């Protein structure tokens, strides 16, 4: 099976997570951090989810799975402790053409999550053919290089692009190839990138 990676706009997502244990907690909080509207459906939830509910970061529905819980969700995560329930969620969500992740049997869903490194606007995702431990090791190795310097560089680029476009200045089309050239990574890492961006302000 070949993966097709995409990046979803978190703030435009509605998600439902079935299961209030450790896996469901991790999935729900990651979705909430990305800006999604998250409902967790589970008779019992962890203290972390209860705290997130108190902070209005998520909604908790203390109930067992029912098909109508899929309503209004574009993304579904099945993370209950029951193989039978997760399989039923997979069947129902797939029949409704939802994005669905089945945590205990990923092949029943149509997507899986990747090992992520986030630094500001920079997000790096790693998939390793269903071996999450390997993906995490690779992610950590990448993260050592692509640190806060890249966060600051991308933030500066985004700001410059916005300012030039808002002013109706067509210089962005000239600035981009010069700033994001073959030397981009070297200039970020040796500190010279800031001067390059400043020259276009």
Protein backbone atom coordinates (compact mmCIF):
# COMPACT_ATOMS: atom_id res chain seq x y z
CA UNK A 1 0.00 0.00 0.00
CA UNK A 2 1.36 3.42 -1.01
CA UNK A 3 0.76 6.43 1.21
CA UNK A 4 -0.37 9.78 -0.17
CA UNK A 5 0.61 12.40 2.44
CA UNK A 6 -1.47 15.55 2.84
CA UNK A 7 -1.65 18.35 5.41
CA UNK A 8 -5.16 19.18 6.64
CA UNK A 9 -6.08 22.63 7.96
CA UNK A 10 -6.76 21.78 11.60
CA UNK A 11 -8.97 24.77 12.30
CA UNK A 12 -11.36 23.64 9.55
CA UNK A 13 -11.75 20.10 10.86
CA UNK A 14 -14.46 18.51 12.94
CA UNK A 15 -13.26 15.29 14.55
CA UNK A 16 -14.70 12.57 16.73
CA UNK A 17 -12.46 10.27 18.77
CA UNK A 18 -13.95 7.07 20.16
CA UNK A 19 -12.12 5.91 23.27
CA UNK A 20 -11.03 7.81 26.35
CA UNK A 21 -7.92 5.83 27.26
CA UNK A 22 -4.27 6.68 26.66
CA UNK A 23 -4.39 6.30 22.85
CA UNK A 24 -7.64 8.24 22.51
CA UNK A 25 -6.23 10.93 24.78
CA UNK A 26 -3.11 11.32 22.66
CA UNK A 27 -5.12 11.49 19.43
CA UNK A 28 -7.73 13.91 20.78
CA UNK A 29 -5.20 16.32 22.28
CA UNK A 30 -3.11 16.31 19.08
CA UNK A 31 -6.19 17.18 17.04
CA UNK A 32 -7.17 19.91 19.49
CA UNK A 33 -3.65 21.33 19.37
CA UNK A 34 -3.99 21.52 15.58
CA UNK A 35 -7.13 23.64 16.03
CA UNK A 36 -9.78 21.01 15.28
CA UNK A 37 -13.19 20.89 16.94
CA UNK A 38 -12.92 17.60 18.83
CA UNK A 39 -15.54 15.39 20.44
CA UNK A 40 -14.43 12.41 22.50
CA UNK A 41 -17.02 9.66 22.89
CA UNK A 42 -16.36 7.29 25.77
CA UNK A 43 -18.13 6.23 28.96
CA UNK A 44 -14.91 6.95 30.90
CA UNK A 45 -12.05 9.32 30.05
CA UNK A 46 -8.59 10.08 31.41
CA UNK A 47 -7.86 12.96 33.77
CA UNK A 48 -6.08 14.72 30.88
CA UNK A 49 -9.24 14.68 28.80
CA UNK A 50 -11.31 15.87 31.74
CA UNK A 51 -8.90 18.80 32.13
CA UNK A 52 -9.08 19.57 28.39
CA UNK A 53 -12.87 19.51 28.67
CA UNK A 54 -12.75 21.96 31.60
CA UNK A 55 -10.56 24.25 29.49
CA UNK A 56 -13.11 24.00 26.62
CA UNK A 57 -10.47 22.56 24.29
CA UNK A 58 -12.59 19.47 23.57
CA UNK A 59 -16.11 18.17 24.14
CA UNK A 60 -16.64 14.88 25.95
CA UNK A 61 -19.71 12.71 25.35
CA UNK A 62 -19.87 10.05 28.06
CA UNK A 63 -21.54 7.35 26.03
CA UNK A 64 -20.86 4.09 24.21
CA UNK A 65 -20.47 4.12 20.42
CA UNK A 66 -23.54 4.78 18.32
CA UNK A 67 -23.60 5.35 14.58
CA UNK A 68 -25.13 8.80 14.96
CA UNK A 69 -21.99 9.95 16.79
CA UNK A 70 -20.38 10.04 13.34
CA UNK A 71 -22.69 12.85 12.25
CA UNK A 72 -21.01 16.21 11.53
CA UNK A 73 -17.47 14.76 11.81
CA UNK A 74 -15.17 14.86 8.82
CA UNK A 75 -12.46 12.87 10.63
CA UNK A 76 -12.97 9.78 12.81
CA UNK A 77 -10.56 8.01 15.15
CA UNK A 78 -11.43 4.62 16.63
CA UNK A 79 -9.33 4.07 19.76
CA UNK A 80 -11.57 2.03 22.03
CA UNK A 81 -10.31 -1.03 23.91
CA UNK A 82 -12.69 -3.28 21.95
CA UNK A 83 -11.69 -4.86 18.65
CA UNK A 84 -15.35 -5.46 17.85
CA UNK A 85 -16.34 -1.83 18.44
CA UNK A 86 -13.39 -0.47 16.45
CA UNK A 87 -14.27 -2.79 13.55
CA UNK A 88 -17.87 -1.54 13.62
CA UNK A 89 -16.69 2.08 13.62
CA UNK A 90 -14.46 1.30 10.62
CA UNK A 91 -17.36 -0.19 8.70
CA UNK A 92 -19.77 2.64 9.51
CA UNK A 93 -17.27 5.47 8.92
CA UNK A 94 -15.97 4.02 5.65
CA UNK A 95 -19.53 3.57 4.36
CA UNK A 96 -20.10 7.27 5.02
CA UNK A 97 -16.84 8.20 3.25
CA UNK A 98 -15.27 9.73 6.35
CA UNK A 99 -11.56 10.07 6.97
CA UNK A 100 -11.06 7.26 9.47
CA UNK A 101 -8.14 6.00 11.52
CA UNK A 102 -8.47 2.64 13.30
CA UNK A 103 -5.71 2.61 15.88
CA UNK A 104 -5.57 -1.13 16.57
CA UNK A 105 -5.95 -2.22 12.92
CA UNK A 106 -4.83 0.62 10.59
CA UNK A 107 -5.66 -1.26 7.37
CA UNK A 108 -9.37 -1.02 8.22
CA UNK A 109 -9.19 2.77 7.97
CA UNK A 110 -8.18 5.02 5.11
CA UNK A 111 -5.45 7.02 6.84
CA UNK A 112 -2.87 6.74 9.58
CA UNK A 113 -1.03 9.43 11.49
CA UNK A 114 2.67 10.07 11.12
CA UNK A 115 5.48 10.89 13.53
CA UNK A 116 5.53 14.69 13.67
CA UNK A 117 8.10 17.36 14.40
CA UNK A 118 6.60 20.84 14.74
CA UNK A 119 8.49 24.06 15.08
CA UNK A 120 6.35 27.11 14.38
CA UNK A 121 5.13 26.95 10.78
CA UNK A 122 7.47 24.06 9.99
CA UNK A 123 5.90 20.62 10.23
CA UNK A 124 7.85 17.50 9.30
CA UNK A 125 5.98 14.19 9.14
CA UNK A 126 7.57 10.75 8.86
CA UNK A 127 5.90 7.47 7.91
CA UNK A 128 7.74 4.16 7.93
CA UNK A 129 5.46 1.47 6.55
CA UNK A 130 3.57 0.74 9.74
CA UNK A 131 6.59 0.68 12.06
CA UNK A 132 5.94 3.72 14.29
CA UNK A 133 9.09 3.24 16.39
CA UNK A 134 11.27 3.63 13.30
CA UNK A 135 9.32 6.70 12.20
CA UNK A 136 9.86 8.29 15.62
CA UNK A 137 13.63 7.66 15.47
CA UNK A 138 13.86 9.19 11.99
CA UNK A 139 11.73 12.16 13.08
CA UNK A 140 13.98 12.81 16.06
CA UNK A 141 17.09 12.70 13.88
CA UNK A 142 15.55 15.20 11.46
CA UNK A 143 14.43 17.45 14.33
CA UNK A 144 18.01 17.80 15.55
CA UNK A 145 18.89 19.67 12.38
CA UNK A 146 15.62 21.47 11.63
CA UNK A 147 15.39 23.39 14.88
CA UNK A 148 14.26 26.89 15.89
CA UNK A 149 16.45 28.51 13.25
CA UNK A 150 14.14 27.13 10.56
CA UNK A 151 11.06 28.24 12.49
CA UNK A 152 12.40 31.81 12.52
CA UNK A 153 13.43 31.66 8.85
CA UNK A 154 10.06 30.42 7.65
CA UNK A 155 8.26 32.97 9.83
CA UNK A 156 10.39 35.73 8.29
CA UNK A 157 9.61 34.47 4.79
CA UNK A 158 5.89 34.30 5.50
CA UNK A 159 5.94 37.84 6.89
CA UNK A 160 7.89 39.20 3.94
CA UNK A 161 5.63 37.47 1.42
CA UNK A 162 2.49 38.85 3.11
CA UNK A 163 3.84 42.39 3.28
CA UNK A 164 4.96 42.49 -0.35
CA UNK A 165 1.71 41.01 -1.64
CA UNK A 166 -0.47 43.30 0.51
CA UNK A 167 1.39 46.33 -0.86
CA UNK A 168 0.76 45.13 -4.39
CA UNK A 169 4.50 44.77 -4.75
CA UNK A 170 5.47 42.18 -7.36
CA UNK A 171 8.95 41.83 -5.86
CA UNK A 172 7.98 38.55 -4.11
CA UNK A 173 8.28 36.74 -7.45
CA UNK A 174 11.89 37.95 -7.60
CA UNK A 175 12.64 37.54 -3.89
CA UNK A 176 11.47 33.94 -3.52
CA UNK A 177 13.95 32.30 -5.91
CA UNK A 178 16.83 34.25 -4.39
CA UNK A 179 15.89 33.57 -0.76
CA UNK A 180 14.83 29.94 -1.20
CA UNK A 181 17.69 28.88 -3.44
CA UNK A 182 20.10 25.95 -3.22
CA UNK A 183 21.90 27.74 -0.38
CA UNK A 184 18.75 28.17 1.74
CA UNK A 185 19.59 25.58 4.42
CA UNK A 186 23.23 26.69 4.69
CA UNK A 187 22.23 30.33 5.10
CA UNK A 188 19.68 29.46 7.78
CA UNK A 189 22.23 27.44 9.69
CA UNK A 190 25.14 29.88 9.42
CA UNK A 191 22.95 32.88 10.35
CA UNK A 192 23.27 34.81 7.09
CA UNK A 193 19.64 34.26 6.09
CA UNK A 194 18.38 37.14 8.26
CA UNK A 195 20.47 39.65 6.31
CA UNK A 196 19.20 38.23 3.02
CA UNK A 197 15.57 38.68 4.10
CA UNK A 198 16.25 42.18 5.43
CA UNK A 199 17.59 43.24 2.06
CA UNK A 200 14.09 42.75 0.60
CA UNK A 201 12.15 44.71 3.23
